N, C-alpha and C. Protein backbone atom coordinates (compact mmCIF):
# COMPACT_ATOMS: atom_id res chain seq x y z
N MET A 1 78.39 -10.89 -50.74
CA MET A 1 78.79 -9.72 -50.01
C MET A 1 79.11 -8.61 -51.01
N THR A 2 78.64 -7.44 -50.72
CA THR A 2 78.89 -6.33 -51.64
C THR A 2 80.22 -5.68 -51.32
N GLU A 3 80.62 -4.75 -52.18
CA GLU A 3 81.91 -4.08 -51.99
C GLU A 3 81.90 -3.15 -50.79
N HIS A 4 80.75 -2.56 -50.43
CA HIS A 4 80.69 -1.58 -49.38
C HIS A 4 80.63 -2.19 -47.99
N GLU A 5 80.23 -3.41 -47.88
CA GLU A 5 80.17 -4.07 -46.58
C GLU A 5 81.53 -4.61 -46.20
N GLN A 6 81.90 -4.34 -44.97
CA GLN A 6 83.16 -4.89 -44.49
C GLN A 6 82.86 -6.18 -43.74
N PRO A 7 83.78 -7.09 -43.76
CA PRO A 7 83.53 -8.35 -43.05
C PRO A 7 83.45 -8.08 -41.54
N ARG A 8 82.59 -8.84 -40.92
CA ARG A 8 82.40 -8.68 -39.48
C ARG A 8 83.63 -9.21 -38.74
N ARG A 9 84.10 -8.41 -37.78
CA ARG A 9 85.27 -8.82 -37.00
C ARG A 9 84.87 -9.87 -35.97
N ALA A 10 85.81 -10.71 -35.67
CA ALA A 10 85.58 -11.69 -34.60
C ALA A 10 85.53 -10.94 -33.27
N ARG A 11 84.79 -11.45 -32.31
CA ARG A 11 84.58 -10.76 -31.04
C ARG A 11 85.86 -10.59 -30.23
N HIS A 12 86.79 -11.49 -30.40
CA HIS A 12 88.01 -11.41 -29.59
C HIS A 12 89.02 -10.40 -30.14
N LEU A 13 88.76 -9.84 -31.30
CA LEU A 13 89.65 -8.85 -31.87
C LEU A 13 89.19 -7.44 -31.52
N MET A 14 90.13 -6.53 -31.38
CA MET A 14 89.81 -5.15 -31.06
C MET A 14 89.36 -4.41 -32.31
N ASP A 15 88.31 -3.61 -32.16
CA ASP A 15 87.85 -2.76 -33.24
C ASP A 15 88.22 -1.33 -32.89
N PRO A 16 89.21 -0.71 -33.56
CA PRO A 16 89.64 0.64 -33.19
C PRO A 16 88.55 1.69 -33.38
N ASN A 17 87.58 1.44 -34.24
CA ASN A 17 86.50 2.39 -34.47
C ASN A 17 85.39 2.28 -33.43
N ASN A 18 85.38 1.20 -32.69
CA ASN A 18 84.32 0.96 -31.71
C ASN A 18 84.92 0.34 -30.45
N PRO A 19 85.64 1.14 -29.65
CA PRO A 19 86.26 0.55 -28.45
C PRO A 19 85.22 0.15 -27.42
N ARG A 20 85.49 -0.92 -26.72
CA ARG A 20 84.58 -1.39 -25.68
C ARG A 20 84.81 -0.62 -24.40
N GLN A 21 83.77 -0.46 -23.64
CA GLN A 21 83.88 0.18 -22.33
C GLN A 21 84.44 -0.85 -21.35
N VAL A 22 85.38 -0.39 -20.55
CA VAL A 22 85.97 -1.26 -19.55
C VAL A 22 85.14 -1.14 -18.27
N ARG A 23 84.67 -2.26 -17.80
CA ARG A 23 83.88 -2.25 -16.57
C ARG A 23 84.79 -2.60 -15.41
N ARG A 24 84.74 -1.78 -14.37
CA ARG A 24 85.53 -2.06 -13.18
C ARG A 24 84.67 -2.81 -12.18
N ARG A 25 85.23 -3.81 -11.61
CA ARG A 25 84.52 -4.53 -10.55
C ARG A 25 84.59 -3.71 -9.28
N ASN A 26 83.55 -3.77 -8.51
CA ASN A 26 83.51 -3.01 -7.27
C ASN A 26 84.51 -3.53 -6.25
N ASP A 27 84.79 -4.81 -6.29
CA ASP A 27 85.70 -5.37 -5.30
C ASP A 27 87.16 -5.36 -5.75
N ALA A 28 87.44 -4.80 -6.91
CA ALA A 28 88.82 -4.73 -7.39
C ALA A 28 89.61 -3.75 -6.52
N MET A 29 90.85 -4.11 -6.22
CA MET A 29 91.68 -3.24 -5.39
C MET A 29 92.30 -2.16 -6.27
N SER A 30 92.39 -0.95 -5.71
CA SER A 30 92.99 0.15 -6.45
C SER A 30 94.52 0.04 -6.37
N LEU A 31 95.17 0.82 -7.17
CA LEU A 31 96.63 0.80 -7.20
C LEU A 31 97.20 1.22 -5.84
N ASP A 32 96.59 2.20 -5.20
CA ASP A 32 97.07 2.65 -3.88
C ASP A 32 96.98 1.53 -2.85
N THR A 33 95.90 0.79 -2.89
CA THR A 33 95.73 -0.30 -1.93
C THR A 33 96.79 -1.38 -2.14
N VAL A 34 97.03 -1.73 -3.38
CA VAL A 34 98.03 -2.75 -3.68
C VAL A 34 99.42 -2.26 -3.25
N GLN A 35 99.73 -0.98 -3.51
CA GLN A 35 101.02 -0.45 -3.12
C GLN A 35 101.19 -0.48 -1.60
N LYS A 36 100.13 -0.17 -0.86
CA LYS A 36 100.22 -0.22 0.60
C LYS A 36 100.49 -1.63 1.08
N TRP A 37 99.79 -2.61 0.49
CA TRP A 37 100.00 -4.00 0.92
C TRP A 37 101.42 -4.47 0.60
N VAL A 38 101.91 -4.13 -0.57
CA VAL A 38 103.27 -4.55 -0.94
C VAL A 38 104.30 -3.88 -0.04
N LEU A 39 104.14 -2.58 0.20
CA LEU A 39 105.09 -1.85 1.03
C LEU A 39 105.06 -2.35 2.48
N SER A 40 103.87 -2.59 3.01
CA SER A 40 103.80 -3.06 4.40
C SER A 40 104.37 -4.46 4.54
N ALA A 41 104.12 -5.32 3.56
CA ALA A 41 104.69 -6.67 3.62
C ALA A 41 106.21 -6.62 3.51
N LEU A 42 106.72 -5.78 2.62
CA LEU A 42 108.17 -5.65 2.46
C LEU A 42 108.82 -5.10 3.73
N ALA A 43 108.21 -4.08 4.31
CA ALA A 43 108.77 -3.49 5.54
C ALA A 43 108.73 -4.49 6.69
N ALA A 44 107.60 -5.17 6.86
CA ALA A 44 107.48 -6.12 7.97
C ALA A 44 108.46 -7.28 7.82
N VAL A 45 108.57 -7.82 6.63
CA VAL A 45 109.48 -8.96 6.42
C VAL A 45 110.93 -8.53 6.61
N THR A 46 111.29 -7.34 6.15
CA THR A 46 112.67 -6.86 6.32
C THR A 46 113.01 -6.67 7.79
N ILE A 47 112.11 -6.06 8.54
CA ILE A 47 112.37 -5.84 9.96
C ILE A 47 112.35 -7.16 10.72
N LEU A 48 111.49 -8.09 10.32
CA LEU A 48 111.47 -9.40 10.98
C LEU A 48 112.75 -10.18 10.70
N HIS A 49 113.37 -9.95 9.54
CA HIS A 49 114.67 -10.58 9.28
C HIS A 49 115.72 -10.05 10.26
N LEU A 50 115.68 -8.76 10.55
CA LEU A 50 116.58 -8.19 11.54
C LEU A 50 116.33 -8.82 12.91
N SER A 51 115.07 -8.97 13.26
CA SER A 51 114.70 -9.60 14.52
C SER A 51 115.23 -11.03 14.60
N ALA A 52 115.05 -11.78 13.53
CA ALA A 52 115.55 -13.16 13.49
C ALA A 52 117.07 -13.20 13.57
N GLY A 53 117.74 -12.25 12.94
CA GLY A 53 119.21 -12.19 13.02
C GLY A 53 119.69 -11.95 14.44
N LEU A 54 119.00 -11.08 15.17
CA LEU A 54 119.38 -10.85 16.56
C LEU A 54 119.17 -12.09 17.42
N ILE A 55 118.11 -12.81 17.16
CA ILE A 55 117.84 -14.03 17.92
C ILE A 55 118.86 -15.11 17.57
N ILE A 56 119.23 -15.21 16.31
CA ILE A 56 120.26 -16.18 15.93
C ILE A 56 121.60 -15.80 16.55
N ALA A 57 121.88 -14.51 16.63
CA ALA A 57 123.11 -14.07 17.29
C ALA A 57 123.10 -14.47 18.76
N ALA A 58 121.93 -14.41 19.40
CA ALA A 58 121.82 -14.82 20.81
C ALA A 58 122.12 -16.30 20.98
N LEU A 59 121.83 -17.10 19.96
CA LEU A 59 122.11 -18.54 20.05
C LEU A 59 123.60 -18.83 20.02
N PHE A 60 124.38 -17.95 19.38
CA PHE A 60 125.81 -18.20 19.24
C PHE A 60 126.66 -17.52 20.31
N VAL A 61 126.02 -16.75 21.18
CA VAL A 61 126.75 -16.14 22.29
C VAL A 61 127.04 -17.23 23.31
N GLY A 62 128.18 -17.13 23.95
CA GLY A 62 128.58 -18.15 24.93
C GLY A 62 127.61 -18.27 26.09
N ASP A 63 127.59 -19.46 26.68
CA ASP A 63 126.69 -19.73 27.80
C ASP A 63 127.01 -18.89 29.03
N ASP A 64 128.26 -18.42 29.15
CA ASP A 64 128.64 -17.63 30.32
C ASP A 64 128.16 -16.18 30.21
N GLN A 65 127.67 -15.74 29.07
CA GLN A 65 127.21 -14.36 28.87
C GLN A 65 125.68 -14.34 28.78
N THR A 66 125.05 -14.65 29.87
CA THR A 66 123.59 -14.72 29.92
C THR A 66 122.95 -13.36 29.66
N SER A 67 123.55 -12.29 30.19
CA SER A 67 122.96 -10.97 29.99
C SER A 67 122.95 -10.57 28.52
N ALA A 68 123.98 -10.95 27.77
CA ALA A 68 124.02 -10.65 26.33
C ALA A 68 122.95 -11.44 25.59
N ARG A 69 122.74 -12.69 25.98
CA ARG A 69 121.71 -13.52 25.35
C ARG A 69 120.32 -12.95 25.61
N VAL A 70 120.08 -12.53 26.86
CA VAL A 70 118.79 -11.94 27.21
C VAL A 70 118.58 -10.63 26.45
N GLY A 71 119.61 -9.80 26.40
CA GLY A 71 119.52 -8.52 25.71
C GLY A 71 119.23 -8.68 24.23
N LEU A 72 119.91 -9.61 23.58
CA LEU A 72 119.66 -9.83 22.15
C LEU A 72 118.24 -10.34 21.90
N ASN A 73 117.74 -11.20 22.78
CA ASN A 73 116.37 -11.69 22.62
C ASN A 73 115.35 -10.58 22.86
N ILE A 74 115.63 -9.71 23.82
CA ILE A 74 114.72 -8.58 24.06
C ILE A 74 114.72 -7.65 22.85
N LEU A 75 115.90 -7.38 22.29
CA LEU A 75 115.96 -6.55 21.08
C LEU A 75 115.24 -7.22 19.91
N GLY A 76 115.37 -8.53 19.80
CA GLY A 76 114.65 -9.25 18.74
C GLY A 76 113.15 -9.11 18.89
N GLY A 77 112.65 -9.22 20.12
CA GLY A 77 111.23 -9.03 20.37
C GLY A 77 110.79 -7.60 20.11
N ALA A 78 111.64 -6.64 20.49
CA ALA A 78 111.30 -5.23 20.27
C ALA A 78 111.21 -4.93 18.77
N PHE A 79 112.13 -5.47 17.99
CA PHE A 79 112.05 -5.25 16.55
C PHE A 79 110.86 -5.97 15.93
N GLY A 80 110.41 -7.07 16.53
CA GLY A 80 109.18 -7.70 16.08
C GLY A 80 107.99 -6.78 16.26
N ILE A 81 107.96 -6.09 17.40
CA ILE A 81 106.89 -5.12 17.66
C ILE A 81 106.98 -3.96 16.67
N VAL A 82 108.19 -3.52 16.38
CA VAL A 82 108.39 -2.44 15.41
C VAL A 82 107.90 -2.86 14.02
N ALA A 83 108.09 -4.12 13.66
CA ALA A 83 107.63 -4.61 12.35
C ALA A 83 106.11 -4.52 12.23
N VAL A 84 105.42 -4.95 13.27
CA VAL A 84 103.95 -4.89 13.25
C VAL A 84 103.49 -3.43 13.25
N ALA A 85 104.15 -2.59 14.05
CA ALA A 85 103.77 -1.17 14.11
C ALA A 85 104.00 -0.49 12.76
N ALA A 86 105.08 -0.82 12.07
CA ALA A 86 105.35 -0.22 10.76
C ALA A 86 104.29 -0.62 9.74
N ALA A 87 103.90 -1.88 9.76
CA ALA A 87 102.87 -2.34 8.83
C ALA A 87 101.55 -1.63 9.10
N ARG A 88 101.20 -1.45 10.36
CA ARG A 88 99.95 -0.75 10.70
C ARG A 88 100.02 0.72 10.33
N ALA A 89 101.18 1.33 10.51
CA ALA A 89 101.34 2.75 10.18
C ALA A 89 101.22 2.98 8.67
N ILE A 90 101.75 2.08 7.88
CA ILE A 90 101.67 2.22 6.43
C ILE A 90 100.21 2.19 5.97
N HIS A 91 99.39 1.39 6.63
CA HIS A 91 97.98 1.31 6.27
C HIS A 91 97.15 2.43 6.89
N GLY A 92 97.77 3.27 7.69
CA GLY A 92 97.06 4.39 8.29
C GLY A 92 96.21 3.99 9.48
N LYS A 93 96.50 2.86 10.07
CA LYS A 93 95.76 2.39 11.25
C LYS A 93 96.44 2.92 12.51
N THR A 94 95.72 2.88 13.62
CA THR A 94 96.34 3.27 14.88
C THR A 94 97.40 2.24 15.25
N ILE A 95 98.52 2.73 15.70
CA ILE A 95 99.64 1.83 15.98
C ILE A 95 99.39 1.00 17.24
N ALA A 96 98.88 1.65 18.27
CA ALA A 96 98.62 0.94 19.53
C ALA A 96 97.37 0.09 19.39
N SER A 97 97.55 -1.21 19.32
CA SER A 97 96.43 -2.13 19.21
C SER A 97 96.88 -3.51 19.70
N PRO A 98 95.95 -4.41 19.90
CA PRO A 98 96.32 -5.77 20.31
C PRO A 98 97.18 -6.50 19.28
N TRP A 99 97.19 -6.04 18.05
CA TRP A 99 98.01 -6.68 17.02
C TRP A 99 99.51 -6.59 17.35
N LEU A 100 99.89 -5.64 18.17
CA LEU A 100 101.31 -5.51 18.53
C LEU A 100 101.81 -6.73 19.30
N LEU A 101 100.90 -7.47 19.92
CA LEU A 101 101.31 -8.67 20.63
C LEU A 101 101.91 -9.71 19.69
N LEU A 102 101.56 -9.65 18.40
CA LEU A 102 102.18 -10.55 17.43
C LEU A 102 103.68 -10.31 17.32
N GLY A 103 104.10 -9.09 17.58
CA GLY A 103 105.51 -8.77 17.52
C GLY A 103 106.33 -9.42 18.61
N LEU A 104 105.68 -9.89 19.67
CA LEU A 104 106.39 -10.56 20.75
C LEU A 104 106.74 -12.01 20.41
N ILE A 105 106.15 -12.54 19.37
CA ILE A 105 106.38 -13.94 19.02
C ILE A 105 107.85 -14.23 18.71
N PRO A 106 108.55 -13.40 17.90
CA PRO A 106 109.98 -13.71 17.67
C PRO A 106 110.80 -13.72 18.96
N GLY A 107 110.53 -12.79 19.87
CA GLY A 107 111.25 -12.77 21.14
C GLY A 107 110.96 -14.00 21.98
N ALA A 108 109.71 -14.42 22.01
CA ALA A 108 109.34 -15.62 22.79
C ALA A 108 110.00 -16.86 22.21
N ILE A 109 110.01 -16.97 20.91
CA ILE A 109 110.69 -18.11 20.26
C ILE A 109 112.18 -18.05 20.53
N GLY A 110 112.75 -16.85 20.50
CA GLY A 110 114.18 -16.70 20.78
C GLY A 110 114.53 -17.11 22.20
N PHE A 111 113.72 -16.70 23.18
CA PHE A 111 113.98 -17.12 24.56
C PHE A 111 113.87 -18.63 24.69
N TRP A 112 112.88 -19.22 24.03
CA TRP A 112 112.71 -20.67 24.13
C TRP A 112 113.91 -21.39 23.50
N LEU A 113 114.38 -20.92 22.33
CA LEU A 113 115.52 -21.57 21.68
C LEU A 113 116.82 -21.36 22.46
N THR A 114 116.97 -20.19 23.05
CA THR A 114 118.21 -19.87 23.73
C THR A 114 118.35 -20.60 25.06
N PHE A 115 117.27 -20.71 25.81
CA PHE A 115 117.37 -21.26 27.17
C PHE A 115 116.69 -22.60 27.35
N ARG A 116 116.54 -23.37 26.32
CA ARG A 116 115.95 -24.70 26.46
C ARG A 116 116.93 -25.69 26.98
């Protein structure tokens, strides 16, 4: 090897004089998309926790207060619908859709647990 030739770098090392082009995959998600998914998941899970708390509160209300138990379960179901609507709104989708029926699941489970 002569003095003027530099040793060849290994492929896994970065060469500051010859940076490689970064290729983006077409199916890679952008930062905005990832932020929307994280925000919608966080919002939905937080609101569903509120819904579950209302349903658990309905379980601890006395048997003689049926109207309070029904009211708490209805509020739990309503907040389930709000959770689905918030997730759809964050993604820029129309809020009114059949997906809102998923929000009724916490209320239905609450009624089943409360009055079984």
